[in-house]
Amino acid sequence: MTTEKDKSLDEINQEIEEELRNYDPDKEEKPKRSVLFTKPRLIVLLVVLGLALYRLLHFFF
């Protein structure tokens, strides 16, 4: 058996090529979710915008 130190560059390259062939980015990487527009933040955003609109309209009318 060969140890990590005894492996030749060709063997290491073959292992790397095999890993790259088996690599599927769709399965490996999780899709990034938008952090800004989660449900609780959308609710807070709508409440803040509603209050701002109320204050603005109350000021002018």
PDB file of N, CA and C in Angstrom:
ATOM      1  N   MET A   1       0.836  -1.193   0.000  1.00  0.00           N
ATOM      2  CA  MET A   1       0.000   0.000   0.000  1.00  0.00           C
ATOM      3  C   MET A   1       0.877   1.251   0.000  1.00  0.00           C
ATOM      4  N   THR A   2       0.397   2.232  -0.654  1.00  0.00           N
ATOM      5  CA  THR A   2       1.155   3.476  -0.693  1.00  0.00           C
ATOM      6  C   THR A   2       0.582   4.435   0.329  1.00  0.00           C
ATOM      7  N   THR A   3       1.437   5.195   0.911  1.00  0.00           N
ATOM      8  CA  THR A   3       0.984   6.222   1.847  1.00  0.00           C
ATOM      9  C   THR A   3       0.872   7.537   1.086  1.00  0.00           C
ATOM     10  N   GLU A   4       0.442   8.562   1.814  1.00  0.00           N
ATOM     11  CA  GLU A   4       0.279   9.872   1.176  1.00  0.00           C
ATOM     12  C   GLU A   4       1.607  10.388   0.617  1.00  0.00           C
ATOM     13  N   LYS A   5       2.691  10.122   1.305  1.00  0.00           N
ATOM     14  CA  LYS A   5       3.993  10.624   0.861  1.00  0.00           C
ATOM     15  C   LYS A   5       4.534   9.838  -0.324  1.00  0.00           C
ATOM     16  N   ASP A   6       4.112   8.594  -0.463  1.00  0.00           N
ATOM     17  CA  ASP A   6       4.646   7.740  -1.521  1.00  0.00           C
ATOM     18  C   ASP A   6       3.909   7.886  -2.850  1.00  0.00           C
ATOM     19  N   LYS A   7       2.796   8.577  -2.863  1.00  0.00           N
ATOM     20  CA  LYS A   7       2.023   8.699  -4.103  1.00  0.00           C
ATOM     21  C   LYS A   7       2.772   9.553  -5.118  1.00  0.00           C
ATOM     22  N   SER A   8       2.706   9.130  -6.331  1.00  0.00           N
ATOM     23  CA  SER A   8       3.347   9.919  -7.375  1.00  0.00           C
ATOM     24  C   SER A   8       2.395  11.031  -7.816  1.00  0.00           C
ATOM     25  N   LEU A   9       2.938  11.951  -8.548  1.00  0.00           N
ATOM     26  CA  LEU A   9       2.122  13.059  -9.039  1.00  0.00           C
ATOM     27  C   LEU A   9       1.036  12.572  -9.982  1.00  0.00           C
ATOM     28  N   ASP A  10       1.320  11.544 -10.751  1.00  0.00           N
ATOM     29  CA  ASP A  10       0.312  11.004 -11.667  1.00  0.00           C
ATOM     30  C   ASP A  10      -0.877  10.433 -10.903  1.00  0.00           C
ATOM     31  N   GLU A  11      -0.610   9.730  -9.807  1.00  0.00           N
ATOM     32  CA  GLU A  11      -1.700   9.178  -9.012  1.00  0.00           C
ATOM     33  C   GLU A  11      -2.538  10.286  -8.386  1.00  0.00           C
ATOM     34  N   ILE A  12      -1.869  11.309  -7.903  1.00  0.00           N
ATOM     35  CA  ILE A  12      -2.583  12.440  -7.309  1.00  0.00           C
ATOM     36  C   ILE A  12      -3.417  13.144  -8.368  1.00  0.00           C
ATOM     37  N   ASN A  13      -2.856  13.336  -9.551  1.00  0.00           N
ATOM     38  CA  ASN A  13      -3.601  13.971 -10.636  1.00  0.00           C
ATOM     39  C   ASN A  13      -4.802  13.139 -11.046  1.00  0.00           C
ATOM     40  N   GLN A  14      -4.654  11.828 -11.069  1.00  0.00           N
ATOM     41  CA  GLN A  14      -5.780  10.964 -11.420  1.00  0.00           C
ATOM     42  C   GLN A  14      -6.891  11.074 -10.386  1.00  0.00           C
ATOM     43  N   GLU A  15      -6.533  11.133  -9.108  1.00  0.00           N
ATOM     44  CA  GLU A  15      -7.544  11.279  -8.064  1.00  0.00           C
ATOM     45  C   GLU A  15      -8.273  12.614  -8.188  1.00  0.00           C
ATOM     46  N   ILE A  16      -7.528  13.656  -8.468  1.00  0.00           N
ATOM     47  CA  ILE A  16      -8.136  14.982  -8.614  1.00  0.00           C
ATOM     48  C   ILE A  16      -9.056  15.011  -9.825  1.00  0.00           C
ATOM     49  N   GLU A  17      -8.629  14.437 -10.937  1.00  0.00           N
ATOM     50  CA  GLU A  17      -9.471  14.398 -12.134  1.00  0.00           C
ATOM     51  C   GLU A  17     -10.741  13.593 -11.889  1.00  0.00           C
ATOM     52  N   GLU A  18     -10.626  12.512 -11.128  1.00  0.00           N
ATOM     53  CA  GLU A  18     -11.801  11.700 -10.823  1.00  0.00           C
ATOM     54  C   GLU A  18     -12.786  12.479  -9.951  1.00  0.00           C
ATOM     55  N   GLU A  19     -12.266  13.205  -8.979  1.00  0.00           N
ATOM     56  CA  GLU A  19     -13.133  14.026  -8.133  1.00  0.00           C
ATOM     57  C   GLU A  19     -13.799  15.128  -8.947  1.00  0.00           C
ATOM     58  N   LEU A  20     -13.055  15.717  -9.883  1.00  0.00           N
ATOM     59  CA  LEU A  20     -13.642  16.767 -10.716  1.00  0.00           C
ATOM     60  C   LEU A  20     -14.708  16.215 -11.655  1.00  0.00           C
ATOM     61  N   ARG A  21     -14.518  14.998 -12.138  1.00  0.00           N
ATOM     62  CA  ARG A  21     -15.531  14.380 -13.001  1.00  0.00           C
ATOM     63  C   ARG A  21     -16.808  14.097 -12.219  1.00  0.00           C
ATOM     64  N   ASN A  22     -16.658  13.744 -10.961  1.00  0.00           N
ATOM     65  CA  ASN A  22     -17.820  13.420 -10.134  1.00  0.00           C
ATOM     66  C   ASN A  22     -18.463  14.656  -9.517  1.00  0.00           C
ATOM     67  N   TYR A  23     -17.839  15.796  -9.674  1.00  0.00           N
ATOM     68  CA  TYR A  23     -18.342  17.020  -9.055  1.00  0.00           C
ATOM     69  C   TYR A  23     -19.553  17.537  -9.814  1.00  0.00           C
ATOM     70  N   ASP A  24     -20.633  17.768  -9.078  1.00  0.00           N
ATOM     71  CA  ASP A  24     -21.852  18.331  -9.661  1.00  0.00           C
ATOM     72  C   ASP A  24     -22.204  19.586  -8.864  1.00  0.00           C
ATOM     73  N   PRO A  25     -21.999  20.755  -9.443  1.00  0.00           N
ATOM     74  CA  PRO A  25     -22.213  21.982  -8.658  1.00  0.00           C
ATOM     75  C   PRO A  25     -23.658  22.155  -8.197  1.00  0.00           C
ATOM     76  N   ASP A  26     -24.615  21.604  -8.944  1.00  0.00           N
ATOM     77  CA  ASP A  26     -26.008  21.747  -8.527  1.00  0.00           C
ATOM     78  C   ASP A  26     -26.280  20.983  -7.236  1.00  0.00           C
ATOM     79  N   LYS A  27     -25.641  19.842  -7.077  1.00  0.00           N
ATOM     80  CA  LYS A  27     -25.853  19.050  -5.863  1.00  0.00           C
ATOM     81  C   LYS A  27     -24.981  19.525  -4.713  1.00  0.00           C
ATOM     82  N   GLU A  28     -23.782  19.954  -5.011  1.00  0.00           N
ATOM     83  CA  GLU A  28     -22.827  20.299  -3.961  1.00  0.00           C
ATOM     84  C   GLU A  28     -23.144  21.639  -3.296  1.00  0.00           C
ATOM     85  N   GLU A  29     -23.485  22.636  -4.105  1.00  0.00           N
ATOM     86  CA  GLU A  29     -23.691  23.971  -3.565  1.00  0.00           C
ATOM     87  C   GLU A  29     -25.171  24.194  -3.302  1.00  0.00           C
ATOM     88  N   LYS A  30     -25.463  24.696  -2.120  1.00  0.00           N
ATOM     89  CA  LYS A  30     -26.847  25.002  -1.785  1.00  0.00           C
ATOM     90  C   LYS A  30     -27.208  26.333  -2.441  1.00  0.00           C
ATOM     91  N   PRO A  31     -28.419  26.465  -2.925  1.00  0.00           N
ATOM     92  CA  PRO A  31     -28.804  27.747  -3.521  1.00  0.00           C
ATOM     93  C   PRO A  31     -28.831  28.842  -2.455  1.00  0.00           C
ATOM     94  N   LYS A  32     -28.345  29.980  -2.827  1.00  0.00           N
ATOM     95  CA  LYS A  32     -28.285  31.082  -1.882  1.00  0.00           C
ATOM     96  C   LYS A  32     -29.661  31.729  -1.763  1.00  0.00           C
ATOM     97  N   ARG A  33     -30.098  31.886  -0.533  1.00  0.00           N
ATOM     98  CA  ARG A  33     -31.382  32.534  -0.291  1.00  0.00           C
ATOM     99  C   ARG A  33     -31.151  34.011  -0.038  1.00  0.00           C
ATOM    100  N   SER A  34     -32.123  34.797  -0.410  1.00  0.00           N
ATOM    101  CA  SER A  34     -32.030  36.222  -0.160  1.00  0.00           C
ATOM    102  C   SER A  34     -32.245  36.469   1.333  1.00  0.00           C
ATOM    103  N   VAL A  35     -31.264  37.063   1.982  1.00  0.00           N
ATOM    104  CA  VAL A  35     -31.353  37.290   3.420  1.00  0.00           C
ATOM    105  C   VAL A  35     -32.263  38.475   3.708  1.00  0.00           C
ATOM    106  N   LEU A  36     -32.330  39.429   2.802  1.00  0.00           N
ATOM    107  CA  LEU A  36     -33.102  40.638   3.041  1.00  0.00           C
ATOM    108  C   LEU A  36     -34.599  40.371   3.014  1.00  0.00           C
ATOM    109  N   PHE A  37     -35.057  39.507   2.118  1.00  0.00           N
ATOM    110  CA  PHE A  37     -36.489  39.327   1.928  1.00  0.00           C
ATOM    111  C   PHE A  37     -36.984  38.013   2.515  1.00  0.00           C
ATOM    112  N   THR A  38     -36.719  37.794   3.794  1.00  0.00           N
ATOM    113  CA  THR A  38     -37.329  36.661   4.480  1.00  0.00           C
ATOM    114  C   THR A  38     -38.694  37.107   4.990  1.00  0.00           C
ATOM    115  N   LYS A  39     -39.553  36.178   5.376  1.00  0.00           N
ATOM    116  CA  LYS A  39     -40.917  36.532   5.785  1.00  0.00           C
ATOM    117  C   LYS A  39     -40.963  37.516   6.953  1.00  0.00           C
ATOM    118  N   PRO A  40     -40.229  37.293   8.042  1.00  0.00           N
ATOM    119  CA  PRO A  40     -40.298  38.273   9.141  1.00  0.00           C
ATOM    120  C   PRO A  40     -39.803  39.655   8.738  1.00  0.00           C
ATOM    121  N   ARG A  41     -38.770  39.691   7.921  1.00  0.00           N
ATOM    122  CA  ARG A  41     -38.259  41.005   7.517  1.00  0.00           C
ATOM    123  C   ARG A  41     -39.219  41.703   6.562  1.00  0.00           C
ATOM    124  N   LEU A  42     -39.913  40.934   5.726  1.00  0.00           N
ATOM    125  CA  LEU A  42     -40.907  41.552   4.853  1.00  0.00           C
ATOM    126  C   LEU A  42     -42.039  42.150   5.669  1.00  0.00           C
ATOM    127  N   ILE A  43     -42.461  41.459   6.722  1.00  0.00           N
ATOM    128  CA  ILE A  43     -43.529  41.986   7.578  1.00  0.00           C
ATOM    129  C   ILE A  43     -43.073  43.278   8.240  1.00  0.00           C
ATOM    130  N   VAL A  44     -41.867  43.286   8.781  1.00  0.00           N
ATOM    131  CA  VAL A  44     -41.333  44.495   9.419  1.00  0.00           C
ATOM    132  C   VAL A  44     -41.199  45.617   8.397  1.00  0.00           C
ATOM    133  N   LEU A  45     -40.732  45.291   7.208  1.00  0.00           N
ATOM    134  CA  LEU A  45     -40.575  46.298   6.160  1.00  0.00           C
ATOM    135  C   LEU A  45     -41.925  46.909   5.778  1.00  0.00           C
ATOM    136  N   LEU A  46     -42.944  46.065   5.644  1.00  0.00           N
ATOM    137  CA  LEU A  46     -44.273  46.574   5.302  1.00  0.00           C
ATOM    138  C   LEU A  46     -44.846  47.441   6.418  1.00  0.00           C
ATOM    139  N   VAL A  47     -44.637  47.057   7.665  1.00  0.00           N
ATOM    140  CA  VAL A  47     -45.130  47.863   8.790  1.00  0.00           C
ATOM    141  C   VAL A  47     -44.429  49.213   8.817  1.00  0.00           C
ATOM    142  N   VAL A  48     -43.120  49.216   8.637  1.00  0.00           N
ATOM    143  CA  VAL A  48     -42.365  50.477   8.660  1.00  0.00           C
ATOM    144  C   VAL A  48     -42.784  51.372   7.502  1.00  0.00           C
ATOM    145  N   LEU A  49     -42.933  50.795   6.310  1.00  0.00           N
ATOM    146  CA  LEU A  49     -43.374  51.603   5.168  1.00  0.00           C
ATOM    147  C   LEU A  49     -44.791  52.114   5.370  1.00  0.00           C
ATOM    148  N   GLY A  50     -45.645  51.306   5.966  1.00  0.00           N
ATOM    149  CA  GLY A  50     -47.018  51.742   6.254  1.00  0.00           C
ATOM    150  C   GLY A  50     -47.036  52.891   7.236  1.00  0.00           C
ATOM    151  N   LEU A  51     -46.237  52.794   8.294  1.00  0.00           N
ATOM    152  CA  LEU A  51     -46.176  53.887   9.267  1.00  0.00           C
ATOM    153  C   LEU A  51     -45.586  55.149   8.644  1.00  0.00           C
ATOM    154  N   ALA A  52     -44.587  54.992   7.802  1.00  0.00           N
ATOM    155  CA  ALA A  52     -43.994  56.158   7.138  1.00  0.00           C
ATOM    156  C   ALA A  52     -45.005  56.812   6.206  1.00  0.00           C
ATOM    157  N   LEU A  53     -45.756  56.004   5.481  1.00  0.00           N
ATOM    158  CA  LEU A  53     -46.779  56.551   4.592  1.00  0.00           C
ATOM    159  C   LEU A  53     -47.870  57.249   5.394  1.00  0.00           C
ATOM    160  N   TYR A  54     -48.258  56.672   6.520  1.00  0.00           N
ATOM    161  CA  TYR A  54     -49.273  57.279   7.379  1.00  0.00           C
ATOM    162  C   TYR A  54     -48.795  58.634   7.894  1.00  0.00           C
ATOM    163  N   ARG A  55     -47.536  58.684   8.367  1.00  0.00           N
ATOM    164  CA  ARG A  55     -47.005  59.949   8.885  1.00  0.00           C
ATOM    165  C   ARG A  55     -46.919  61.001   7.778  1.00  0.00           C
ATOM    166  N   LEU A  56     -46.517  60.562   6.585  1.00  0.00           N
ATOM    167  CA  LEU A  56     -46.384  61.493   5.469  1.00  0.00           C
ATOM    168  C   LEU A  56     -47.743  62.043   5.064  1.00  0.00           C
ATOM    169  N   LEU A  57     -48.720  61.163   4.916  1.00  0.00           N
ATOM    170  CA  LEU A  57     -50.054  61.610   4.518  1.00  0.00           C
ATOM    171  C   LEU A  57     -50.724  62.402   5.636  1.00  0.00           C
ATOM    172  N   HIS A  58     -50.498  62.035   6.890  1.00  0.00           N
ATOM    173  CA  HIS A  58     -51.083  62.758   8.008  1.00  0.00           C
ATOM    174  C   HIS A  58     -50.491  64.165   8.085  1.00  0.00           C
ATOM    175  N   PHE A  59     -49.233  64.316   7.715  1.00  0.00           N
ATOM    176  CA  PHE A  59     -48.587  65.622   7.756  1.00  0.00           C
ATOM    177  C   PHE A  59     -49.177  66.562   6.709  1.00  0.00           C
ATOM    178  N   PHE A  60     -49.470  66.043   5.495  1.00  0.00           N
ATOM    179  CA  PHE A  60     -49.936  66.907   4.411  1.00  0.00           C
ATOM    180  C   PHE A  60     -51.447  67.093   4.411  1.00  0.00           C
ATOM    181  N   PHE A  61     -52.202  66.148   4.956  1.00  0.00           N
ATOM    182  CA  PHE A  61     -53.667  66.271   4.858  1.00  0.00           C
ATOM    183  C   PHE A  61     -54.315  66.377   6.207  1.00  0.00           C
TER     184      PHE A  61
END
